[in-house]
Amino acid sequence: RTQQYALVAEPKDSGGIPWLNVGLLVA
């Protein structure tokens, strides 16, 4: 094959407080 499928596994965020989201919400 010159093209084939690929399963792509990407690490999820480890968590923590999303400070940008919180700051924009407060504003």
mmCIF file of all heavy atoms, coordinates in Angstrom:
data_MODEL
# 
_entry.id   MODEL 
# 
loop_
_atom_site.group_PDB 
_atom_site.id 
_atom_site.type_symbol 
_atom_site.label_atom_id 
_atom_site.label_alt_id 
_atom_site.label_comp_id 
_atom_site.label_asym_id 
_atom_site.label_entity_id 
_atom_site.label_seq_id 
_atom_site.pdbx_PDB_ins_code 
_atom_site.Cartn_x 
_atom_site.Cartn_y 
_atom_site.Cartn_z 
_atom_site.occupancy 
_atom_site.B_iso_or_equiv 
_atom_site.pdbx_formal_charge 
_atom_site.auth_seq_id 
_atom_site.auth_comp_id 
_atom_site.auth_asym_id 
_atom_site.auth_atom_id 
_atom_site.pdbx_PDB_model_num 
ATOM 1   N N   . ARG A 1 1  ? 0.845   -1.195 0.000  1.00 0.00 ? 1  ARG A N   1 
ATOM 2   C CA  . ARG A 1 1  ? 0.000   0.000  0.000  1.00 0.00 ? 1  ARG A CA  1 
ATOM 3   C C   . ARG A 1 1  ? 0.886   1.252  0.000  1.00 0.00 ? 1  ARG A C   1 
ATOM 4   O O   . ARG A 1 1  ? 1.939   1.281  0.594  1.00 0.00 ? 1  ARG A O   1 
ATOM 5   C CB  . ARG A 1 1  ? -0.878  0.050  1.266  1.00 0.00 ? 1  ARG A CB  1 
ATOM 6   C CG  . ARG A 1 1  ? -2.076  -0.852 1.226  1.00 0.00 ? 1  ARG A CG  1 
ATOM 7   C CD  . ARG A 1 1  ? -2.878  -0.635 2.503  1.00 0.00 ? 1  ARG A CD  1 
ATOM 8   N NE  . ARG A 1 1  ? -4.040  -1.496 2.531  1.00 0.00 ? 1  ARG A NE  1 
ATOM 9   C CZ  . ARG A 1 1  ? -5.227  -1.147 2.061  1.00 0.00 ? 1  ARG A CZ  1 
ATOM 10  N NH1 . ARG A 1 1  ? -5.381  0.030  1.501  1.00 0.00 ? 1  ARG A NH1 1 
ATOM 11  N NH2 . ARG A 1 1  ? -6.241  -1.986 2.124  1.00 0.00 ? 1  ARG A NH2 1 
ATOM 12  N N   . THR A 1 2  ? 0.449   2.301  -0.668 1.00 0.00 ? 2  THR A N   1 
ATOM 13  C CA  . THR A 1 2  ? 1.058   3.609  -0.502 1.00 0.00 ? 2  THR A CA  1 
ATOM 14  C C   . THR A 1 2  ? 0.238   4.451  0.468  1.00 0.00 ? 2  THR A C   1 
ATOM 15  O O   . THR A 1 2  ? 0.710   5.454  0.952  1.00 0.00 ? 2  THR A O   1 
ATOM 16  C CB  . THR A 1 2  ? 1.161   4.323  -1.851 1.00 0.00 ? 2  THR A CB  1 
ATOM 17  O OG1 . THR A 1 2  ? -0.152  4.416  -2.415 1.00 0.00 ? 2  THR A OG1 1 
ATOM 18  C CG2 . THR A 1 2  ? 2.066   3.552  -2.803 1.00 0.00 ? 2  THR A CG2 1 
ATOM 19  N N   . GLN A 1 3  ? -1.025  4.061  0.732  1.00 0.00 ? 3  GLN A N   1 
ATOM 20  C CA  . GLN A 1 3  ? -1.879  4.704  1.724  1.00 0.00 ? 3  GLN A CA  1 
ATOM 21  C C   . GLN A 1 3  ? -2.530  3.613  2.559  1.00 0.00 ? 3  GLN A C   1 
ATOM 22  O O   . GLN A 1 3  ? -2.927  2.588  2.028  1.00 0.00 ? 3  GLN A O   1 
ATOM 23  C CB  . GLN A 1 3  ? -2.969  5.547  1.056  1.00 0.00 ? 3  GLN A CB  1 
ATOM 24  C CG  . GLN A 1 3  ? -2.446  6.779  0.336  1.00 0.00 ? 3  GLN A CG  1 
ATOM 25  C CD  . GLN A 1 3  ? -2.078  7.893  1.299  1.00 0.00 ? 3  GLN A CD  1 
ATOM 26  O OE1 . GLN A 1 3  ? -2.685  8.037  2.342  1.00 0.00 ? 3  GLN A OE1 1 
ATOM 27  N NE2 . GLN A 1 3  ? -1.075  8.673  0.939  1.00 0.00 ? 3  GLN A NE2 1 
ATOM 28  N N   . GLN A 1 4  ? -2.617  3.835  3.845  1.00 0.00 ? 4  GLN A N   1 
ATOM 29  C CA  . GLN A 1 4  ? -3.277  2.871  4.699  1.00 0.00 ? 4  GLN A CA  1 
ATOM 30  C C   . GLN A 1 4  ? -3.859  3.589  5.905  1.00 0.00 ? 4  GLN A C   1 
ATOM 31  O O   . GLN A 1 4  ? -3.612  4.767  6.118  1.00 0.00 ? 4  GLN A O   1 
ATOM 32  C CB  . GLN A 1 4  ? -2.304  1.779  5.151  1.00 0.00 ? 4  GLN A CB  1 
ATOM 33  C CG  . GLN A 1 4  ? -1.124  2.294  5.970  1.00 0.00 ? 4  GLN A CG  1 
ATOM 34  C CD  . GLN A 1 4  ? -0.179  1.185  6.369  1.00 0.00 ? 4  GLN A CD  1 
ATOM 35  O OE1 . GLN A 1 4  ? -0.631  0.103  6.724  1.00 0.00 ? 4  GLN A OE1 1 
ATOM 36  N NE2 . GLN A 1 4  ? 1.117   1.430  6.295  1.00 0.00 ? 4  GLN A NE2 1 
ATOM 37  N N   . TYR A 1 5  ? -4.646  2.859  6.660  1.00 0.00 ? 5  TYR A N   1 
ATOM 38  C CA  . TYR A 1 5  ? -5.247  3.437  7.852  1.00 0.00 ? 5  TYR A CA  1 
ATOM 39  C C   . TYR A 1 5  ? -4.220  3.553  8.972  1.00 0.00 ? 5  TYR A C   1 
ATOM 40  O O   . TYR A 1 5  ? -3.234  2.810  9.021  1.00 0.00 ? 5  TYR A O   1 
ATOM 41  C CB  . TYR A 1 5  ? -6.402  2.562  8.329  1.00 0.00 ? 5  TYR A CB  1 
ATOM 42  C CG  . TYR A 1 5  ? -7.663  2.696  7.522  1.00 0.00 ? 5  TYR A CG  1 
ATOM 43  C CD1 . TYR A 1 5  ? -8.039  1.722  6.611  1.00 0.00 ? 5  TYR A CD1 1 
ATOM 44  C CD2 . TYR A 1 5  ? -8.486  3.804  7.688  1.00 0.00 ? 5  TYR A CD2 1 
ATOM 45  C CE1 . TYR A 1 5  ? -9.199  1.844  5.871  1.00 0.00 ? 5  TYR A CE1 1 
ATOM 46  C CE2 . TYR A 1 5  ? -9.647  3.936  6.958  1.00 0.00 ? 5  TYR A CE2 1 
ATOM 47  C CZ  . TYR A 1 5  ? -10.012 2.955  6.049  1.00 0.00 ? 5  TYR A CZ  1 
ATOM 48  O OH  . TYR A 1 5  ? -11.166 3.089  5.331  1.00 0.00 ? 5  TYR A OH  1 
ATOM 49  N N   . ALA A 1 6  ? -4.510  4.492  9.864  1.00 0.00 ? 6  ALA A N   1 
ATOM 50  C CA  . ALA A 1 6  ? -3.706  4.607  11.077 1.00 0.00 ? 6  ALA A CA  1 
ATOM 51  C C   . ALA A 1 6  ? -4.630  4.945  12.230 1.00 0.00 ? 6  ALA A C   1 
ATOM 52  O O   . ALA A 1 6  ? -5.421  5.880  12.146 1.00 0.00 ? 6  ALA A O   1 
ATOM 53  C CB  . ALA A 1 6  ? -2.639  5.688  10.927 1.00 0.00 ? 6  ALA A CB  1 
ATOM 54  N N   . LEU A 1 7  ? -4.537  4.142  13.286 1.00 0.00 ? 7  LEU A N   1 
ATOM 55  C CA  . LEU A 1 7  ? -5.173  4.503  14.549 1.00 0.00 ? 7  LEU A CA  1 
ATOM 56  C C   . LEU A 1 7  ? -4.254  5.482  15.262 1.00 0.00 ? 7  LEU A C   1 
ATOM 57  O O   . LEU A 1 7  ? -3.065  5.198  15.443 1.00 0.00 ? 7  LEU A O   1 
ATOM 58  C CB  . LEU A 1 7  ? -5.378  3.263  15.425 1.00 0.00 ? 7  LEU A CB  1 
ATOM 59  C CG  . LEU A 1 7  ? -6.549  2.340  15.086 1.00 0.00 ? 7  LEU A CG  1 
ATOM 60  C CD1 . LEU A 1 7  ? -6.470  1.076  15.945 1.00 0.00 ? 7  LEU A CD1 1 
ATOM 61  C CD2 . LEU A 1 7  ? -7.877  3.037  15.303 1.00 0.00 ? 7  LEU A CD2 1 
ATOM 62  N N   . VAL A 1 8  ? -4.785  6.634  15.632 1.00 0.00 ? 8  VAL A N   1 
ATOM 63  C CA  . VAL A 1 8  ? -3.981  7.678  16.256 1.00 0.00 ? 8  VAL A CA  1 
ATOM 64  C C   . VAL A 1 8  ? -4.402  7.825  17.713 1.00 0.00 ? 8  VAL A C   1 
ATOM 65  O O   . VAL A 1 8  ? -5.541  8.202  18.002 1.00 0.00 ? 8  VAL A O   1 
ATOM 66  C CB  . VAL A 1 8  ? -4.132  9.023  15.517 1.00 0.00 ? 8  VAL A CB  1 
ATOM 67  C CG1 . VAL A 1 8  ? -3.249  10.082 16.164 1.00 0.00 ? 8  VAL A CG1 1 
ATOM 68  C CG2 . VAL A 1 8  ? -3.798  8.857  14.043 1.00 0.00 ? 8  VAL A CG2 1 
ATOM 69  N N   . ALA A 1 9  ? -3.487  7.504  18.612 1.00 0.00 ? 9  ALA A N   1 
ATOM 70  C CA  . ALA A 1 9  ? -3.744  7.612  20.048 1.00 0.00 ? 9  ALA A CA  1 
ATOM 71  C C   . ALA A 1 9  ? -2.980  8.821  20.568 1.00 0.00 ? 9  ALA A C   1 
ATOM 72  O O   . ALA A 1 9  ? -1.738  8.860  20.508 1.00 0.00 ? 9  ALA A O   1 
ATOM 73  C CB  . ALA A 1 9  ? -3.305  6.342  20.771 1.00 0.00 ? 9  ALA A CB  1 
ATOM 74  N N   . GLU A 1 10 ? -3.716  9.818  21.073 1.00 0.00 ? 10 GLU A N   1 
ATOM 75  C CA  . GLU A 1 10 ? -3.114  11.040 21.586 1.00 0.00 ? 10 GLU A CA  1 
ATOM 76  C C   . GLU A 1 10 ? -3.340  11.126 23.087 1.00 0.00 ? 10 GLU A C   1 
ATOM 77  O O   . GLU A 1 10 ? -4.466  10.898 23.554 1.00 0.00 ? 10 GLU A O   1 
ATOM 78  C CB  . GLU A 1 10 ? -3.701  12.266 20.899 1.00 0.00 ? 10 GLU A CB  1 
ATOM 79  C CG  . GLU A 1 10 ? -3.426  12.303 19.406 1.00 0.00 ? 10 GLU A CG  1 
ATOM 80  C CD  . GLU A 1 10 ? -4.071  13.496 18.733 1.00 0.00 ? 10 GLU A CD  1 
ATOM 81  O OE1 . GLU A 1 10 ? -5.314  13.546 18.696 1.00 0.00 ? 10 GLU A OE1 1 
ATOM 82  O OE2 . GLU A 1 10 ? -3.337  14.365 18.244 1.00 0.00 ? 10 GLU A OE2 1 
ATOM 83  N N   . PRO A 1 11 ? -2.303  11.450 23.852 1.00 0.00 ? 11 PRO A N   1 
ATOM 84  C CA  . PRO A 1 11 ? -2.479  11.544 25.312 1.00 0.00 ? 11 PRO A CA  1 
ATOM 85  C C   . PRO A 1 11 ? -3.434  12.664 25.677 1.00 0.00 ? 11 PRO A C   1 
ATOM 86  O O   . PRO A 1 11 ? -3.368  13.765 25.127 1.00 0.00 ? 11 PRO A O   1 
ATOM 87  C CB  . PRO A 1 11 ? -1.064  11.819 25.821 1.00 0.00 ? 11 PRO A CB  1 
ATOM 88  C CG  . PRO A 1 11 ? -0.332  12.381 24.646 1.00 0.00 ? 11 PRO A CG  1 
ATOM 89  C CD  . PRO A 1 11 ? -0.937  11.755 23.434 1.00 0.00 ? 11 PRO A CD  1 
ATOM 90  N N   . LYS A 1 12 ? -4.330  12.361 26.595 1.00 0.00 ? 12 LYS A N   1 
ATOM 91  C CA  . LYS A 1 12 ? -5.268  13.380 27.060 1.00 0.00 ? 12 LYS A CA  1 
ATOM 92  C C   . LYS A 1 12 ? -4.571  14.297 28.053 1.00 0.00 ? 12 LYS A C   1 
ATOM 93  O O   . LYS A 1 12 ? -3.532  13.966 28.622 1.00 0.00 ? 12 LYS A O   1 
ATOM 94  C CB  . LYS A 1 12 ? -6.483  12.716 27.729 1.00 0.00 ? 12 LYS A CB  1 
ATOM 95  C CG  . LYS A 1 12 ? -7.324  11.879 26.790 1.00 0.00 ? 12 LYS A CG  1 
ATOM 96  C CD  . LYS A 1 12 ? -8.524  11.296 27.525 1.00 0.00 ? 12 LYS A CD  1 
ATOM 97  C CE  . LYS A 1 12 ? -9.405  10.477 26.600 1.00 0.00 ? 12 LYS A CE  1 
ATOM 98  N NZ  . LYS A 1 12 ? -10.571 9.893  27.311 1.00 0.00 ? 12 LYS A NZ  1 
ATOM 99  N N   . ASP A 1 13 ? -5.185  15.449 28.261 1.00 0.00 ? 13 ASP A N   1 
ATOM 100 C CA  . ASP A 1 13 ? -4.658  16.370 29.262 1.00 0.00 ? 13 ASP A CA  1 
ATOM 101 C C   . ASP A 1 13 ? -4.648  15.698 30.628 1.00 0.00 ? 13 ASP A C   1 
ATOM 102 O O   . ASP A 1 13 ? -5.577  14.961 30.980 1.00 0.00 ? 13 ASP A O   1 
ATOM 103 C CB  . ASP A 1 13 ? -5.501  17.641 29.336 1.00 0.00 ? 13 ASP A CB  1 
ATOM 104 C CG  . ASP A 1 13 ? -5.312  18.503 28.098 1.00 0.00 ? 13 ASP A CG  1 
ATOM 105 O OD1 . ASP A 1 13 ? -4.274  18.336 27.432 1.00 0.00 ? 13 ASP A OD1 1 
ATOM 106 O OD2 . ASP A 1 13 ? -6.209  19.315 27.800 1.00 0.00 ? 13 ASP A OD2 1 
ATOM 107 N N   . SER A 1 14 ? -3.631  16.008 31.420 1.00 0.00 ? 14 SER A N   1 
ATOM 108 C CA  . SER A 1 14 ? -3.506  15.366 32.733 1.00 0.00 ? 14 SER A CA  1 
ATOM 109 C C   . SER A 1 14 ? -4.466  15.937 33.765 1.00 0.00 ? 14 SER A C   1 
ATOM 110 O O   . SER A 1 14 ? -4.564  15.440 34.868 1.00 0.00 ? 14 SER A O   1 
ATOM 111 C CB  . SER A 1 14 ? -2.063  15.520 33.237 1.00 0.00 ? 14 SER A CB  1 
ATOM 112 O OG  . SER A 1 14 ? -1.708  16.893 33.303 1.00 0.00 ? 14 SER A OG  1 
ATOM 113 N N   . GLY A 1 15 ? -5.186  16.994 33.382 1.00 0.00 ? 15 GLY A N   1 
ATOM 114 C CA  . GLY A 1 15 ? -6.142  17.566 34.326 1.00 0.00 ? 15 GLY A CA  1 
ATOM 115 C C   . GLY A 1 15 ? -5.649  18.905 34.838 1.00 0.00 ? 15 GLY A C   1 
ATOM 116 O O   . GLY A 1 15 ? -4.859  19.597 34.207 1.00 0.00 ? 15 GLY A O   1 
ATOM 117 N N   . GLY A 1 16 ? -6.122  19.290 35.998 1.00 0.00 ? 16 GLY A N   1 
ATOM 118 C CA  . GLY A 1 16 ? -5.765  20.585 36.549 1.00 0.00 ? 16 GLY A CA  1 
ATOM 119 C C   . GLY A 1 16 ? -6.838  21.614 36.250 1.00 0.00 ? 16 GLY A C   1 
ATOM 120 O O   . GLY A 1 16 ? -7.791  21.359 35.513 1.00 0.00 ? 16 GLY A O   1 
ATOM 121 N N   . ILE A 1 17 ? -6.669  22.777 36.813 1.00 0.00 ? 17 ILE A N   1 
ATOM 122 C CA  . ILE A 1 17 ? -7.651  23.849 36.648 1.00 0.00 ? 17 ILE A CA  1 
ATOM 123 C C   . ILE A 1 17 ? -7.409  24.563 35.332 1.00 0.00 ? 17 ILE A C   1 
ATOM 124 O O   . ILE A 1 17 ? -6.291  25.044 35.079 1.00 0.00 ? 17 ILE A O   1 
ATOM 125 C CB  . ILE A 1 17 ? -7.559  24.835 37.818 1.00 0.00 ? 17 ILE A CB  1 
ATOM 126 C CG1 . ILE A 1 17 ? -7.855  24.117 39.143 1.00 0.00 ? 17 ILE A CG1 1 
ATOM 127 C CG2 . ILE A 1 17 ? -8.540  25.992 37.625 1.00 0.00 ? 17 ILE A CG2 1 
ATOM 128 C CD1 . ILE A 1 17 ? -7.663  24.983 40.365 1.00 0.00 ? 17 ILE A CD1 1 
ATOM 129 N N   . PRO A 1 18 ? -8.409  24.658 34.465 1.00 0.00 ? 18 PRO A N   1 
ATOM 130 C CA  . PRO A 1 18 ? -8.245  25.379 33.189 1.00 0.00 ? 18 PRO A CA  1 
ATOM 131 C C   . PRO A 1 18 ? -8.333  26.887 33.427 1.00 0.00 ? 18 PRO A C   1 
ATOM 132 O O   . PRO A 1 18 ? -9.377  27.510 33.249 1.00 0.00 ? 18 PRO A O   1 
ATOM 133 C CB  . PRO A 1 18 ? -9.414  24.851 32.353 1.00 0.00 ? 18 PRO A CB  1 
ATOM 134 C CG  . PRO A 1 18 ? -10.469 24.494 33.340 1.00 0.00 ? 18 PRO A CG  1 
ATOM 135 C CD  . PRO A 1 18 ? -9.740  24.032 34.574 1.00 0.00 ? 18 PRO A CD  1 
ATOM 136 N N   . TRP A 1 19 ? -7.215  27.479 33.804 1.00 0.00 ? 19 TRP A N   1 
ATOM 137 C CA  . TRP A 1 19 ? -7.229  28.860 34.274 1.00 0.00 ? 19 TRP A CA  1 
ATOM 138 C C   . TRP A 1 19 ? -7.690  29.835 33.199 1.00 0.00 ? 19 TRP A C   1 
ATOM 139 O O   . TRP A 1 19 ? -8.349  30.835 33.507 1.00 0.00 ? 19 TRP A O   1 
ATOM 140 C CB  . TRP A 1 19 ? -5.835  29.250 34.780 1.00 0.00 ? 19 TRP A CB  1 
ATOM 141 C CG  . TRP A 1 19 ? -5.483  28.590 36.073 1.00 0.00 ? 19 TRP A CG  1 
ATOM 142 C CD1 . TRP A 1 19 ? -4.518  27.647 36.292 1.00 0.00 ? 19 TRP A CD1 1 
ATOM 143 C CD2 . TRP A 1 19 ? -6.106  28.826 37.344 1.00 0.00 ? 19 TRP A CD2 1 
ATOM 144 N NE1 . TRP A 1 19 ? -4.503  27.272 37.610 1.00 0.00 ? 19 TRP A NE1 1 
ATOM 145 C CE2 . TRP A 1 19 ? -5.466  27.986 38.289 1.00 0.00 ? 19 TRP A CE2 1 
ATOM 146 C CE3 . TRP A 1 19 ? -7.142  29.656 37.781 1.00 0.00 ? 19 TRP A CE3 1 
ATOM 147 C CZ2 . TRP A 1 19 ? -5.817  27.953 39.626 1.00 0.00 ? 19 TRP A CZ2 1 
ATOM 148 C CZ3 . TRP A 1 19 ? -7.497  29.632 39.117 1.00 0.00 ? 19 TRP A CZ3 1 
ATOM 149 C CH2 . TRP A 1 19 ? -6.838  28.795 40.024 1.00 0.00 ? 19 TRP A CH2 1 
ATOM 150 N N   . LEU A 1 20 ? -7.345  29.593 31.939 1.00 0.00 ? 20 LEU A N   1 
ATOM 151 C CA  . LEU A 1 20 ? -7.782  30.505 30.883 1.00 0.00 ? 20 LEU A CA  1 
ATOM 152 C C   . LEU A 1 20 ? -9.299  30.494 30.754 1.00 0.00 ? 20 LEU A C   1 
ATOM 153 O O   . LEU A 1 20 ? -9.935  31.554 30.642 1.00 0.00 ? 20 LEU A O   1 
ATOM 154 C CB  . LEU A 1 20 ? -7.131  30.130 29.552 1.00 0.00 ? 20 LEU A CB  1 
ATOM 155 C CG  . LEU A 1 20 ? -7.517  31.009 28.354 1.00 0.00 ? 20 LEU A CG  1 
ATOM 156 C CD1 . LEU A 1 20 ? -7.174  32.468 28.621 1.00 0.00 ? 20 LEU A CD1 1 
ATOM 157 C CD2 . LEU A 1 20 ? -6.827  30.511 27.085 1.00 0.00 ? 20 LEU A CD2 1 
ATOM 158 N N   . ASN A 1 21 ? -9.898  29.306 30.790 1.00 0.00 ? 21 ASN A N   1 
ATOM 159 C CA  . ASN A 1 21 ? -11.362 29.208 30.725 1.00 0.00 ? 21 ASN A CA  1 
ATOM 160 C C   . ASN A 1 21 ? -12.008 29.920 31.906 1.00 0.00 ? 21 ASN A C   1 
ATOM 161 O O   . ASN A 1 21 ? -12.989 30.660 31.739 1.00 0.00 ? 21 ASN A O   1 
ATOM 162 C CB  . ASN A 1 21 ? -11.798 27.741 30.714 1.00 0.00 ? 21 ASN A CB  1 
ATOM 163 C CG  . ASN A 1 21 ? -11.226 26.969 29.549 1.00 0.00 ? 21 ASN A CG  1 
ATOM 164 O OD1 . ASN A 1 21 ? -10.057 26.607 29.573 1.00 0.00 ? 21 ASN A OD1 1 
ATOM 165 N ND2 . ASN A 1 21 ? -12.025 26.711 28.537 1.00 0.00 ? 21 ASN A ND2 1 
ATOM 166 N N   . VAL A 1 22 ? -11.450 29.705 33.083 1.00 0.00 ? 22 VAL A N   1 
ATOM 167 C CA  . VAL A 1 22 ? -12.009 30.321 34.293 1.00 0.00 ? 22 VAL A CA  1 
ATOM 168 C C   . VAL A 1 22 ? -11.875 31.833 34.222 1.00 0.00 ? 22 VAL A C   1 
ATOM 169 O O   . VAL A 1 22 ? -12.815 32.583 34.530 1.00 0.00 ? 22 VAL A O   1 
ATOM 170 C CB  . VAL A 1 22 ? -11.326 29.765 35.550 1.00 0.00 ? 22 VAL A CB  1 
ATOM 171 C CG1 . VAL A 1 22 ? -11.780 30.531 36.789 1.00 0.00 ? 22 VAL A CG1 1 
ATOM 172 C CG2 . VAL A 1 22 ? -11.630 28.278 35.711 1.00 0.00 ? 22 VAL A CG2 1 
ATOM 173 N N   . GLY A 1 23 ? -10.701 32.316 33.830 1.00 0.00 ? 23 GLY A N   1 
ATOM 174 C CA  . GLY A 1 23 ? -10.481 33.751 33.760 1.00 0.00 ? 23 GLY A CA  1 
ATOM 175 C C   . GLY A 1 23 ? -11.401 34.440 32.767 1.00 0.00 ? 23 GLY A C   1 
ATOM 176 O O   . GLY A 1 23 ? -11.964 35.512 33.056 1.00 0.00 ? 23 GLY A O   1 
ATOM 177 N N   . LEU A 1 24 ? -11.579 33.829 31.593 1.00 0.00 ? 24 LEU A N   1 
ATOM 178 C CA  . LEU A 1 24 ? -12.481 34.407 30.595 1.00 0.00 ? 24 LEU A CA  1 
ATOM 179 C C   . LEU A 1 24 ? -13.925 34.378 31.071 1.00 0.00 ? 24 LEU A C   1 
ATOM 180 O O   . LEU A 1 24 ? -14.697 35.314 30.805 1.00 0.00 ? 24 LEU A O   1 
ATOM 181 C CB  . LEU A 1 24 ? -12.341 33.657 29.268 1.00 0.00 ? 24 LEU A CB  1 
ATOM 182 C CG  . LEU A 1 24 ? -11.056 33.927 28.484 1.00 0.00 ? 24 LEU A CG  1 
ATOM 183 C CD1 . LEU A 1 24 ? -10.961 32.998 27.275 1.00 0.00 ? 24 LEU A CD1 1 
ATOM 184 C CD2 . LEU A 1 24 ? -10.997 35.382 28.032 1.00 0.00 ? 24 LEU A CD2 1 
ATOM 185 N N   . LEU A 1 25 ? -14.315 33.322 31.775 1.00 0.00 ? 25 LEU A N   1 
ATOM 186 C CA  . LEU A 1 25 ? -15.675 33.254 32.304 1.00 0.00 ? 25 LEU A CA  1 
ATOM 187 C C   . LEU A 1 25 ? -15.916 34.367 33.319 1.00 0.00 ? 25 LEU A C   1 
ATOM 188 O O   . LEU A 1 25 ? -16.949 35.051 33.283 1.00 0.00 ? 25 LEU A O   1 
ATOM 189 C CB  . LEU A 1 25 ? -15.925 31.893 32.941 1.00 0.00 ? 25 LEU A CB  1 
ATOM 190 C CG  . LEU A 1 25 ? -17.280 31.714 33.639 1.00 0.00 ? 25 LEU A CG  1 
ATOM 191 C CD1 . LEU A 1 25 ? -18.430 31.949 32.675 1.00 0.00 ? 25 LEU A CD1 1 
ATOM 192 C CD2 . LEU A 1 25 ? -17.386 30.335 34.287 1.00 0.00 ? 25 LEU A CD2 1 
ATOM 193 N N   . VAL A 1 26 ? -14.948 34.576 34.228 1.00 0.00 ? 26 VAL A N   1 
ATOM 194 C CA  . VAL A 1 26 ? -15.091 35.631 35.233 1.00 0.00 ? 26 VAL A CA  1 
ATOM 195 C C   . VAL A 1 26 ? -15.177 37.001 34.553 1.00 0.00 ? 26 VAL A C   1 
ATOM 196 O O   . VAL A 1 26 ? -16.014 37.843 34.906 1.00 0.00 ? 26 VAL A O   1 
ATOM 197 C CB  . VAL A 1 26 ? -13.920 35.586 36.225 1.00 0.00 ? 26 VAL A CB  1 
ATOM 198 C CG1 . VAL A 1 26 ? -13.933 36.813 37.136 1.00 0.00 ? 26 VAL A CG1 1 
ATOM 199 C CG2 . VAL A 1 26 ? -13.977 34.309 37.059 1.00 0.00 ? 26 VAL A CG2 1 
ATOM 200 N N   . ALA A 1 27 ? -14.327 37.226 33.552 1.00 0.00 ? 27 ALA A N   1 
ATOM 201 C CA  . ALA A 1 27 ? -14.347 38.502 32.832 1.00 0.00 ? 27 ALA A CA  1 
ATOM 202 C C   . ALA A 1 27 ? -15.666 38.691 32.098 1.00 0.00 ? 27 ALA A C   1 
ATOM 203 O O   . ALA A 1 27 ? -16.211 39.809 32.039 1.00 0.00 ? 27 ALA A O   1 
ATOM 204 C CB  . ALA A 1 27 ? -13.175 38.572 31.858 1.00 0.00 ? 27 ALA A CB  1 
# 
